[in-house]
Amino acid sequence: MENIRSIPTQQTIPGWRLIISDAGRFWALRQTPFPIAAMRAGADPAVDADTLSEVRAEVDRQEEIARRVTS
């Protein structure tokens, strides 16, 4: 990825770093690793989508996977 742009501050997801690739794809990278049990259950610390709302939904899905196995 070249020329990665940061997301404006008002468009953030707590605990995740957001970027837009040079192709306009949105990426979210978790700032701290998921617990091993969450990773084994399928929680992914790096997700991508076409829009900000789609990437937020994907982050929510990953966090829900982690909550189910670590609660």
Protein backbone atom coordinates (compact mmCIF):
# COMPACT_ATOMS: atom_id res chain seq x y z
CA MET A 1 0.00 0.00 0.00
CA GLU A 2 1.35 3.35 -0.98
CA ASN A 3 0.20 6.77 0.17
CA ILE A 4 -1.86 5.50 3.09
CA ARG A 5 -4.07 8.26 4.51
CA SER A 6 -5.22 8.54 8.13
CA ILE A 7 -8.89 8.76 8.97
CA PRO A 8 -10.05 12.09 10.48
CA THR A 9 -10.12 12.04 14.28
CA GLN A 10 -13.94 12.25 14.51
CA GLN A 11 -14.17 8.99 12.56
CA THR A 12 -12.47 6.61 14.95
CA ILE A 13 -13.09 3.22 16.49
CA PRO A 14 -11.73 2.98 20.04
CA GLY A 15 -8.92 0.43 20.26
CA TRP A 16 -8.47 0.23 16.48
CA ARG A 17 -6.29 2.19 14.05
CA LEU A 18 -8.05 3.19 10.85
CA ILE A 19 -6.41 3.84 7.51
CA ILE A 20 -7.48 4.28 3.89
CA SER A 21 -5.31 2.61 1.27
CA ASP A 22 -4.25 4.36 -1.91
CA ALA A 23 -6.99 2.31 -3.63
CA GLY A 24 -9.59 3.82 -1.28
CA ARG A 25 -10.09 0.66 0.78
CA PHE A 26 -10.72 1.11 4.52
CA TRP A 27 -8.62 -0.90 6.96
CA ALA A 28 -8.88 -1.29 10.73
CA LEU A 29 -6.01 -2.73 12.77
CA ARG A 30 -6.54 -3.64 16.41
CA GLN A 31 -4.10 -1.77 18.65
CA THR A 32 -3.73 -4.63 21.14
CA PRO A 33 -3.81 -8.31 20.29
CA PHE A 34 -6.92 -10.37 20.90
CA PRO A 35 -6.56 -13.07 23.55
CA ILE A 36 -5.43 -16.43 22.13
CA ALA A 37 -8.89 -17.95 22.70
CA ALA A 38 -10.47 -15.18 20.62
CA MET A 39 -7.96 -15.68 17.82
CA ARG A 40 -8.64 -19.42 17.83
CA ALA A 41 -12.38 -18.65 17.62
CA GLY A 42 -11.75 -16.57 14.50
CA ALA A 43 -11.36 -13.00 15.75
CA ASP A 44 -9.21 -11.13 13.23
CA PRO A 45 -7.14 -8.12 14.37
CA ALA A 46 -6.97 -6.67 10.84
CA VAL A 47 -10.09 -6.13 8.74
CA ASP A 48 -10.90 -4.24 5.56
CA ALA A 49 -13.99 -3.03 3.70
CA ASP A 50 -15.15 -0.67 0.98
CA THR A 51 -16.64 1.96 3.32
CA LEU A 52 -16.13 3.29 6.83
CA SER A 53 -19.51 1.97 7.96
CA GLU A 54 -18.68 -1.48 6.58
CA VAL A 55 -15.32 -1.57 8.34
CA ARG A 56 -17.00 -0.49 11.59
CA ALA A 57 -19.49 -3.35 11.22
CA GLU A 58 -16.62 -5.78 10.63
CA VAL A 59 -14.78 -4.50 13.72
CA ASP A 60 -17.97 -4.99 15.75
CA ARG A 61 -18.20 -8.56 14.43
CA GLN A 62 -14.60 -9.31 15.46
CA GLU A 63 -15.14 -7.81 18.92
CA GLU A 64 -18.30 -9.89 19.35
CA ILE A 65 -16.37 -13.07 18.51
CA ALA A 66 -13.82 -12.12 21.17
CA ARG A 67 -16.52 -11.31 23.76
CA ARG A 68 -18.25 -14.66 23.25
CA VAL A 69 -15.14 -16.68 24.04
CA THR A 70 -13.54 -14.50 26.71
CA SER A 71 -16.61 -13.63 28.82
